[in-house]
C-alpha atoms as a PDB file:
ATOM      1  CA  MET A   1      -7.578  62.049  52.573  1.00  0.00           C
ATOM      2  CA  HIS A   2      -6.275  62.680  49.065  1.00  0.00           C
ATOM      3  CA  ILE A   3      -8.817  63.975  46.532  1.00  0.00           C
ATOM      4  CA  VAL A   4      -8.051  64.235  42.815  1.00  0.00           C
ATOM      5  CA  VAL A   5     -10.252  66.434  40.640  1.00  0.00           C
ATOM      6  CA  CYS A   6     -10.272  66.076  36.855  1.00  0.00           C
ATOM      7  CA  VAL A   7     -10.750  69.462  35.204  1.00  0.00           C
ATOM      8  CA  LYS A   8     -11.042  70.367  31.540  1.00  0.00           C
ATOM      9  CA  HIS A   9      -9.886  73.440  29.633  1.00  0.00           C
ATOM     10  CA  VAL A  10     -12.649  74.312  27.142  1.00  0.00           C
ATOM     11  CA  VAL A  11     -13.673  77.036  24.744  1.00  0.00           C
ATOM     12  CA  ASP A  12     -16.387  79.367  25.974  1.00  0.00           C
ATOM     13  CA  SER A  13     -19.571  77.535  24.918  1.00  0.00           C
ATOM     14  CA  THR A  14     -21.518  80.799  24.649  1.00  0.00           C
ATOM     15  CA  GLU A  15     -19.344  81.775  21.675  1.00  0.00           C
ATOM     16  CA  ILE A  16     -19.596  78.485  19.750  1.00  0.00           C
ATOM     17  CA  HIS A  17     -21.546  78.529  16.492  1.00  0.00           C
ATOM     18  CA  VAL A  18     -22.040  76.230  13.506  1.00  0.00           C
ATOM     19  CA  ASP A  19     -20.618  77.002  10.063  1.00  0.00           C
ATOM     20  CA  LYS A  20     -23.695  76.745   7.825  1.00  0.00           C
ATOM     21  CA  LYS A  21     -21.593  75.806   4.776  1.00  0.00           C
ATOM     22  CA  THR A  22     -19.503  73.001   6.329  1.00  0.00           C
ATOM     23  CA  ASN A  23     -21.933  72.028   9.115  1.00  0.00           C
ATOM     24  CA  GLU A  24     -19.000  72.031  11.559  1.00  0.00           C
ATOM     25  CA  LEU A  25     -18.506  73.744  14.885  1.00  0.00           C
ATOM     26  CA  VAL A  26     -16.368  76.870  14.716  1.00  0.00           C
ATOM     27  CA  LEU A  27     -13.922  76.578  17.623  1.00  0.00           C
ATOM     28  CA  ARG A  28     -10.886  78.542  16.510  1.00  0.00           C
ATOM     29  CA  GLY A  29     -10.259  82.003  17.870  1.00  0.00           C
ATOM     30  CA  LEU A  30     -12.663  81.587  20.765  1.00  0.00           C
ATOM     31  CA  SER A  31     -11.846  82.474  24.359  1.00  0.00           C
ATOM     32  CA  THR A  32     -11.130  79.569  26.712  1.00  0.00           C
ATOM     33  CA  LYS A  33     -11.870  78.820  30.358  1.00  0.00           C
ATOM     34  CA  ILE A  34     -12.316  76.103  32.952  1.00  0.00           C
ATOM     35  CA  ASN A  35     -15.276  73.835  32.264  1.00  0.00           C
ATOM     36  CA  ASP A  36     -18.152  75.214  34.363  1.00  0.00           C
ATOM     37  CA  TYR A  37     -19.242  71.758  35.558  1.00  0.00           C
ATOM     38  CA  ASP A  38     -15.736  71.018  36.858  1.00  0.00           C
ATOM     39  CA  LYS A  39     -15.943  74.094  39.086  1.00  0.00           C
ATOM     40  CA  ASN A  40     -18.623  72.278  41.091  1.00  0.00           C
ATOM     41  CA  ALA A  41     -16.285  69.313  41.545  1.00  0.00           C
ATOM     42  CA  VAL A  42     -13.434  71.598  42.681  1.00  0.00           C
ATOM     43  CA  GLU A  43     -15.763  73.403  45.087  1.00  0.00           C
ATOM     44  CA  GLU A  44     -16.886  70.124  46.647  1.00  0.00           C
ATOM     45  CA  ALA A  45     -13.277  68.957  46.994  1.00  0.00           C
ATOM     46  CA  VAL A  46     -12.292  72.215  48.715  1.00  0.00           C
ATOM     47  CA  LYS A  47     -15.211  71.842  51.144  1.00  0.00           C
ATOM     48  CA  LEU A  48     -14.017  68.349  52.063  1.00  0.00           C
ATOM     49  CA  LYS A  49     -10.484  69.704  52.385  1.00  0.00           C
ATOM     50  CA  LYS A  50     -11.594  72.217  55.017  1.00  0.00           C
ATOM     51  CA  GLU A  51     -13.721  69.643  56.817  1.00  0.00           C
ATOM     52  CA  LEU A  52     -11.233  66.770  56.849  1.00  0.00           C
ATOM     53  CA  GLY A  53      -7.849  68.351  56.249  1.00  0.00           C
ATOM     54  CA  ALA A  54      -7.654  66.661  52.859  1.00  0.00           C
ATOM     55  CA  THR A  55      -5.204  67.367  50.052  1.00  0.00           C
ATOM     56  CA  VAL A  56      -6.692  68.338  46.675  1.00  0.00           C
ATOM     57  CA  SER A  57      -4.807  67.643  43.447  1.00  0.00           C
ATOM     58  CA  LEU A  58      -5.897  68.653  39.954  1.00  0.00           C
ATOM     59  CA  VAL A  59      -5.228  66.797  36.708  1.00  0.00           C
ATOM     60  CA  THR A  60      -5.914  67.938  33.160  1.00  0.00           C
ATOM     61  CA  ILE A  61      -4.958  67.450  29.526  1.00  0.00           C
ATOM     62  CA  GLY A  62      -4.707  70.459  27.274  1.00  0.00           C
ATOM     63  CA  PRO A  63      -2.552  73.056  25.529  1.00  0.00           C
ATOM     64  CA  ARG A  64      -0.140  75.304  27.391  1.00  0.00           C
ATOM     65  CA  ASP A  65      -3.016  77.785  27.805  1.00  0.00           C
ATOM     66  CA  ALA A  66      -4.678  75.238  30.129  1.00  0.00           C
ATOM     67  CA  GLN A  67      -2.446  76.644  32.873  1.00  0.00           C
ATOM     68  CA  LYS A  68      -5.065  79.399  33.081  1.00  0.00           C
ATOM     69  CA  THR A  69      -7.715  76.834  34.001  1.00  0.00           C
ATOM     70  CA  LEU A  70      -5.483  75.192  36.602  1.00  0.00           C
ATOM     71  CA  LYS A  71      -4.565  78.544  38.151  1.00  0.00           C
ATOM     72  CA  GLU A  72      -8.232  79.377  38.638  1.00  0.00           C
ATOM     73  CA  ALA A  73      -8.896  75.999  40.264  1.00  0.00           C
ATOM     74  CA  LEU A  74      -5.830  76.420  42.485  1.00  0.00           C
ATOM     75  CA  ALA A  75      -7.083  79.869  43.493  1.00  0.00           C
ATOM     76  CA  MET A  76     -10.329  78.192  44.552  1.00  0.00           C
ATOM     77  CA  GLY A  77      -8.364  76.220  47.154  1.00  0.00           C
ATOM     78  CA  ALA A  78      -6.749  73.189  45.512  1.00  0.00           C
ATOM     79  CA  ASP A  79      -3.190  72.331  46.545  1.00  0.00           C
ATOM     80  CA  ASP A  80      -1.348  71.245  43.405  1.00  0.00           C
ATOM     81  CA  ALA A  81      -1.949  70.608  39.720  1.00  0.00           C
ATOM     82  CA  TYR A  82      -0.677  68.381  36.922  1.00  0.00           C
ATOM     83  CA  LEU A  83      -0.867  69.188  33.211  1.00  0.00           C
ATOM     84  CA  LEU A  84      -0.183  66.934  30.261  1.00  0.00           C
ATOM     85  CA  GLN A  85       0.333  69.303  27.358  1.00  0.00           C
ATOM     86  CA  ILE A  86      -1.016  68.545  23.889  1.00  0.00           C
ATOM     87  CA  SER A  87      -1.318  70.639  20.746  1.00  0.00           C
ATOM     88  CA  PRO A  88      -4.232  73.112  20.631  1.00  0.00           C
ATOM     89  CA  ARG A  89      -5.323  71.325  17.442  1.00  0.00           C
ATOM     90  CA  GLN A  90      -5.327  67.901  19.095  1.00  0.00           C
ATOM     91  CA  GLN A  91      -8.805  66.502  19.688  1.00  0.00           C
ATOM     92  CA  LEU A  92      -9.194  63.560  22.071  1.00  0.00           C
ATOM     93  CA  ASP A  93     -12.227  61.338  22.420  1.00  0.00           C
ATOM     94  CA  THR A  94     -13.382  60.051  25.817  1.00  0.00           C
ATOM     95  CA  ALA A  95     -11.474  56.764  25.425  1.00  0.00           C
ATOM     96  CA  GLN A  96      -8.169  58.593  24.891  1.00  0.00           C
ATOM     97  CA  ALA A  97      -8.807  61.171  27.616  1.00  0.00           C
ATOM     98  CA  SER A  98      -9.848  58.561  30.191  1.00  0.00           C
ATOM     99  CA  LEU A  99      -6.749  56.458  29.492  1.00  0.00           C
ATOM    100  CA  ILE A 100      -4.375  59.393  29.999  1.00  0.00           C
ATOM    101  CA  LEU A 101      -6.203  60.775  33.046  1.00  0.00           C
ATOM    102  CA  SER A 102      -6.358  57.349  34.709  1.00  0.00           C
ATOM    103  CA  LYS A 103      -2.600  56.979  34.290  1.00  0.00           C
ATOM    104  CA  MET A 104      -2.066  60.457  35.776  1.00  0.00           C
ATOM    105  CA  ILE A 105      -4.237  59.536  38.760  1.00  0.00           C
ATOM    106  CA  GLU A 106      -2.321  56.288  39.277  1.00  0.00           C
ATOM    107  CA  LYS A 107       0.882  58.326  39.549  1.00  0.00           C
ATOM    108  CA  LEU A 108      -0.667  60.275  42.447  1.00  0.00           C
ATOM    109  CA  GLU A 109      -1.719  57.248  44.503  1.00  0.00           C
ATOM    110  CA  PRO A 110      -2.774  56.714  47.194  1.00  0.00           C
ATOM    111  CA  VAL A 111      -5.997  58.481  46.159  1.00  0.00           C
ATOM    112  CA  ASP A 112      -9.196  58.297  48.211  1.00  0.00           C
ATOM    113  CA  LEU A 113     -11.656  60.168  46.004  1.00  0.00           C
ATOM    114  CA  VAL A 114     -11.653  61.100  42.333  1.00  0.00           C
ATOM    115  CA  LEU A 115     -14.147  63.829  41.422  1.00  0.00           C
ATOM    116  CA  CYS A 116     -15.225  64.798  37.916  1.00  0.00           C
ATOM    117  CA  GLY A 117     -17.791  67.236  36.599  1.00  0.00           C
ATOM    118  CA  GLU A 118     -20.926  65.497  35.345  1.00  0.00           C
ATOM    119  CA  VAL A 119     -20.243  66.612  31.779  1.00  0.00           C
ATOM    120  CA  SER A 120     -18.005  68.883  29.695  1.00  0.00           C
ATOM    121  CA  GLU A 121     -19.383  71.919  27.921  1.00  0.00           C
ATOM    122  CA  ASP A 122     -17.733  71.096  24.603  1.00  0.00           C
ATOM    123  CA  GLY A 123     -18.710  67.441  24.214  1.00  0.00           C
ATOM    124  CA  TYR A 124     -21.602  66.691  26.601  1.00  0.00           C
ATOM    125  CA  ASN A 125     -20.706  62.977  26.473  1.00  0.00           C
ATOM    126  CA  SER A 126     -20.882  62.217  30.226  1.00  0.00           C
ATOM    127  CA  GLN A 127     -18.481  59.323  29.577  1.00  0.00           C
ATOM    128  CA  THR A 128     -15.038  60.339  30.802  1.00  0.00           C
ATOM    129  CA  GLY A 129     -15.688  59.906  34.523  1.00  0.00           C
ATOM    130  CA  ALA A 130     -17.259  56.477  34.087  1.00  0.00           C
ATOM    131  CA  ARG A 131     -14.429  55.372  31.784  1.00  0.00           C
ATOM    132  CA  ILE A 132     -11.802  56.480  34.312  1.00  0.00           C
ATOM    133  CA  ALA A 133     -13.588  54.536  37.051  1.00  0.00           C
ATOM    134  CA  GLU A 134     -13.599  51.427  34.875  1.00  0.00           C
ATOM    135  CA  ARG A 135      -9.888  51.744  34.069  1.00  0.00           C
ATOM    136  CA  LEU A 136      -8.987  52.249  37.740  1.00  0.00           C
ATOM    137  CA  HIS A 137     -11.414  49.516  38.922  1.00  0.00           C
ATOM    138  CA  LEU A 138     -13.173  52.003  41.187  1.00  0.00           C
ATOM    139  CA  PRO A 139     -16.840  52.059  42.226  1.00  0.00           C
ATOM    140  CA  HIS A 140     -18.597  54.933  40.512  1.00  0.00           C
ATOM    141  CA  VAL A 141     -21.549  57.124  41.481  1.00  0.00           C
ATOM    142  CA  SER A 142     -22.855  59.585  38.892  1.00  0.00           C
ATOM    143  CA  TYR A 143     -24.794  62.869  39.092  1.00  0.00           C
ATOM    144  CA  VAL A 144     -24.029  63.456  42.769  1.00  0.00           C
ATOM    145  CA  THR A 145     -26.134  66.286  44.199  1.00  0.00           C
ATOM    146  CA  LYS A 146     -25.116  65.887  47.873  1.00  0.00           C
ATOM    147  CA  LEU A 147     -21.859  64.628  49.348  1.00  0.00           C
ATOM    148  CA  SER A 148     -20.491  64.183  52.853  1.00  0.00           C
ATOM    149  CA  ALA A 149     -17.767  62.171  54.548  1.00  0.00           C
ATOM    150  CA  GLN A 150     -18.874  59.499  57.000  1.00  0.00           C
ATOM    151  CA  ASP A 151     -17.188  56.597  58.813  1.00  0.00           C
ATOM    152  CA  GLY A 152     -14.046  56.818  56.695  1.00  0.00           C
ATOM    153  CA  GLY A 153     -16.094  56.696  53.498  1.00  0.00           C
ATOM    154  CA  TYR A 154     -18.738  58.870  51.888  1.00  0.00           C
ATOM    155  CA  VAL A 155     -22.489  59.350  51.663  1.00  0.00           C
ATOM    156  CA  ALA A 156     -23.750  60.643  48.323  1.00  0.00           C
ATOM    157  CA  GLU A 157     -27.116  61.499  46.886  1.00  0.00           C
ATOM    158  CA  SER A 158     -27.458  60.771  43.186  1.00  0.00           C
ATOM    159  CA  THR A 159     -30.306  62.435  41.312  1.00  0.00           C
ATOM    160  CA  LEU A 160     -31.513  61.025  37.995  1.00  0.00           C
ATOM    161  CA  GLU A 161     -34.500  62.833  36.479  1.00  0.00           C
ATOM    162  CA  ASP A 162     -37.267  62.385  39.086  1.00  0.00           C
ATOM    163  CA  THR A 163     -35.463  59.821  41.268  1.00  0.00           C
ATOM    164  CA  ALA A 164     -32.941  60.476  44.059  1.00  0.00           C
ATOM    165  CA  GLU A 165     -30.854  57.710  45.614  1.00  0.00           C
ATOM    166  CA  THR A 166     -28.771  57.957  48.767  1.00  0.00           C
ATOM    167  CA  LEU A 167     -25.707  55.744  48.702  1.00  0.00           C
ATOM    168  CA  LYS A 168     -23.037  54.992  51.273  1.00  0.00           C
ATOM    169  CA  GLY A 169     -19.678  53.722  50.102  1.00  0.00           C
ATOM    170  CA  ALA A 170     -16.074  53.154  51.032  1.00  0.00           C
ATOM    171  CA  THR A 171     -13.091  54.830  49.474  1.00  0.00           C
ATOM    172  CA  PRO A 172     -11.383  54.792  47.061  1.00  0.00           C
ATOM    173  CA  ALA A 173     -14.188  55.747  44.679  1.00  0.00           C
ATOM    174  CA  LEU A 174     -14.969  58.022  41.758  1.00  0.00           C
ATOM    175  CA  LEU A 175     -17.906  60.430  41.801  1.00  0.00           C
ATOM    176  CA  THR A 176     -19.218  62.645  39.019  1.00  0.00           C
ATOM    177  CA  ILE A 177     -20.552  65.859  40.495  1.00  0.00           C
ATOM    178  CA  SER A 178     -23.799  67.525  39.402  1.00  0.00           C
ATOM    179  CA  SER A 179     -23.977  71.266  38.853  1.00  0.00           C
ATOM    180  CA  ALA A 180     -26.898  71.302  41.317  1.00  0.00           C
ATOM    181  CA  ILE A 181     -24.682  70.373  44.271  1.00  0.00           C
ATOM    182  CA  ASN A 182     -23.284  73.821  45.083  1.00  0.00           C
ATOM    183  CA  VAL A 183     -22.472  77.321  43.913  1.00  0.00           C
ATOM    184  CA  PRO A 184     -18.715  77.449  43.190  1.00  0.00           C
ATOM    185  CA  ARG A 185     -16.672  80.239  44.743  1.00  0.00           C
ATOM    186  CA  LEU A 186     -15.322  82.814  42.311  1.00  0.00           C
ATOM    187  CA  PRO A 187     -11.693  83.730  42.909  1.00  0.00           C
ATOM    188  CA  THR A 188     -10.755  87.279  41.986  1.00  0.00           C
ATOM    189  CA  ALA A 189      -8.421  88.095  39.110  1.00  0.00           C
ATOM    190  CA  ILE A 190      -5.768  89.094  41.661  1.00  0.00           C
ATOM    191  CA  GLN A 191      -6.096  85.775  43.511  1.00  0.00           C
ATOM    192  CA  ILE A 192      -5.646  83.898  40.225  1.00  0.00           C
ATOM    193  CA  MET A 193      -2.652  86.036  39.226  1.00  0.00           C
ATOM    194  CA  LYS A 194      -0.975  85.306  42.569  1.00  0.00           C
ATOM    195  CA  VAL A 195      -0.962  81.559  41.873  1.00  0.00           C
ATOM    196  CA  ARG A 196       2.583  80.640  40.933  1.00  0.00           C
ATOM    197  CA  THR A 197       3.061  78.666  37.736  1.00  0.00           C
ATOM    198  CA  SER A 198       5.562  76.526  39.657  1.00  0.00           C
ATOM    199  CA  ARG A 199       2.614  74.898  41.426  1.00  0.00           C
ATOM    200  CA  ILE A 200       1.655  73.316  38.098  1.00  0.00           C
ATOM    201  CA  LYS A 201       3.722  70.247  37.259  1.00  0.00           C
ATOM    202  CA  ASN A 202       4.098  69.255  33.607  1.00  0.00           C
ATOM    203  CA  VAL A 203       3.609  65.580  32.870  1.00  0.00           C
ATOM    204  CA  LYS A 204       4.783  63.761  29.731  1.00  0.00           C
ATOM    205  CA  LEU A 205       3.304  60.653  28.149  1.00  0.00           C
ATOM    206  CA  ALA A 206       6.534  58.799  28.816  1.00  0.00           C
ATOM    207  CA  ASP A 207       6.133  59.509  32.540  1.00  0.00           C
ATOM    208  CA  LEU A 208       2.870  57.561  32.355  1.00  0.00           C
ATOM    209  CA  GLY A 209       4.263  54.627  30.397  1.00  0.00           C
ATOM    210  CA  LEU A 210       2.515  55.813  27.230  1.00  0.00           C
ATOM    211  CA  ASP A 211       3.690  57.041  23.842  1.00  0.00           C
ATOM    212  CA  ASP A 212       2.377  59.329  21.101  1.00  0.00           C
ATOM    213  CA  SER A 213       0.276  56.526  19.629  1.00  0.00           C
ATOM    214  CA  VAL A 214      -2.420  57.154  22.257  1.00  0.00           C
ATOM    215  CA  LEU A 215      -3.027  60.559  20.648  1.00  0.00           C
ATOM    216  CA  GLU A 216      -3.603  59.064  17.210  1.00  0.00           C
ATOM    217  CA  THR A 217      -6.831  57.917  15.581  1.00  0.00           C
ATOM    218  CA  PRO A 218      -9.644  58.564  18.048  1.00  0.00           C
ATOM    219  CA  LYS A 219     -12.240  55.789  18.142  1.00  0.00           C
ATOM    220  CA  VAL A 220     -15.074  58.304  17.834  1.00  0.00           C
ATOM    221  CA  LYS A 221     -15.105  60.972  15.137  1.00  0.00           C
ATOM    222  CA  MET A 222     -17.657  63.765  14.978  1.00  0.00           C
ATOM    223  CA  LEU A 223     -19.100  63.841  11.462  1.00  0.00           C
ATOM    224  CA  GLY A 224     -21.222  66.972  11.712  1.00  0.00           C
ATOM    225  CA  TYR A 225     -23.587  69.126  13.710  1.00  0.00           C
ATOM    226  CA  GLU A 226     -27.088  70.330  13.083  1.00  0.00           C
ATOM    227  CA  ILE A 227     -29.244  72.855  14.881  1.00  0.00           C
ATOM    228  CA  PRO A 228     -32.797  71.494  15.037  1.00  0.00           C
ATOM    229  CA  GLU A 229     -35.438  73.848  13.735  1.00  0.00           C
ATOM    230  CA  GLN A 230     -38.157  74.827  16.147  1.00  0.00           C
ATOM    231  CA  GLU A 231     -41.570  76.100  15.143  1.00  0.00           C
ATOM    232  CA  ARG A 232     -43.759  78.178  17.413  1.00  0.00           C
ATOM    233  CA  LYS A 233     -47.424  77.273  17.757  1.00  0.00           C
ATOM    234  CA  ASN A 234     -48.562  80.900  17.641  1.00  0.00           C
ATOM    235  CA  ILE A 235     -51.792  80.256  19.507  1.00  0.00           C
ATOM    236  CA  MET A 236     -54.081  83.281  19.600  1.00  0.00           C
ATOM    237  CA  ILE A 237     -56.268  83.684  22.696  1.00  0.00           C
ATOM    238  CA  ASP A 238     -59.474  85.709  22.467  1.00  0.00           C
ATOM    239  CA  GLY A 239     -61.849  86.944  25.141  1.00  0.00           C
ATOM    240  CA  THR A 240     -61.674  89.220  28.134  1.00  0.00           C
ATOM    241  CA  ALA A 241     -58.560  89.486  30.282  1.00  0.00           C
ATOM    242  CA  SER A 242     -59.878  86.957  32.804  1.00  0.00           C
ATOM    243  CA  GLU A 243     -61.021  84.554  30.053  1.00  0.00           C
ATOM    244  CA  ALA A 244     -57.666  84.884  28.246  1.00  0.00           C
ATOM    245  CA  ALA A 245     -55.778  84.248  31.496  1.00  0.00           C
ATOM    246  CA  ALA A 246     -57.823  81.103  32.181  1.00  0.00           C
ATOM    247  CA  SER A 247     -57.226  79.846  28.635  1.00  0.00           C
ATOM    248  CA  LEU A 248     -53.490  80.524  28.903  1.00  0.00           C
ATOM    249  CA  VAL A 249     -53.236  78.586  32.157  1.00  0.00           C
ATOM    250  CA  LYS A 250     -55.118  75.690  30.547  1.00  0.00           C
ATOM    251  CA  TYR A 251     -52.733  75.602  27.561  1.00  0.00           C
ATOM    252  CA  LEU A 252     -49.662  75.721  29.816  1.00  0.00           C
ATOM    253  CA  GLN A 253     -51.013  72.857  31.922  1.00  0.00           C
ATOM    254  CA  GLU A 254     -51.681  70.801  28.805  1.00  0.00           C
ATOM    255  CA  GLU A 255     -48.091  71.428  27.670  1.00  0.00           C
ATOM    256  CA  LYS A 256     -46.920  70.370  31.164  1.00  0.00           C
ATOM    257  CA  VAL A 257     -44.929  73.546  31.713  1.00  0.00           C
ATOM    258  CA  MET A 258     -46.767  74.436  34.912  1.00  0.00           C
END
């Protein structure tokens, strides 16, 4: 079995803030890392690798610094990695990213499973995986919270709000992996440092039959960001301790938080 995992190199979302004057996200000068949600996809791929003797390949688009992300994923147990380098200033929308990633995956065929994180920390679009599946004409299951191999295919549980579906399918297929599926292993700094850069292959647009025009004019442009204001209710509860406790429980039940 050959499993391809799409990973994304992102800025640390805990350091992102909005410029109050321009209403834009401040992204420059922030530390970068592997997208947390993609770690769950890598972890699931490595589990299947140990169970089935599969090969796990990684694909990503990003600046040269994205090698750091790929090294961490390789240290988790993946076998090889492919990077298409773009400028750190280059911003791709999900249509552009899915086109390039689908072409990278095609170059690695035969591929049995393509795994993606359910969402990326920087965009939260939840579109890239579905777009890749459409471009590759693959069946697609989203928000997978359980996954196992069975009868040459897979069995997956997909959880959407308060509904869980169990689906059985044949490969090849693309699955987007929920963060609830597992707890990713954490390779040590030494394990990451030991990963040789030679295990990361650089890919060019020309290798994929594409040219620089695919990087131009994204179809979706972010116009601005706003942080919604939240007001507290500041409810005062009087009475004895037991009366106040009963009133508090009542309020929390009415707010459907317990």
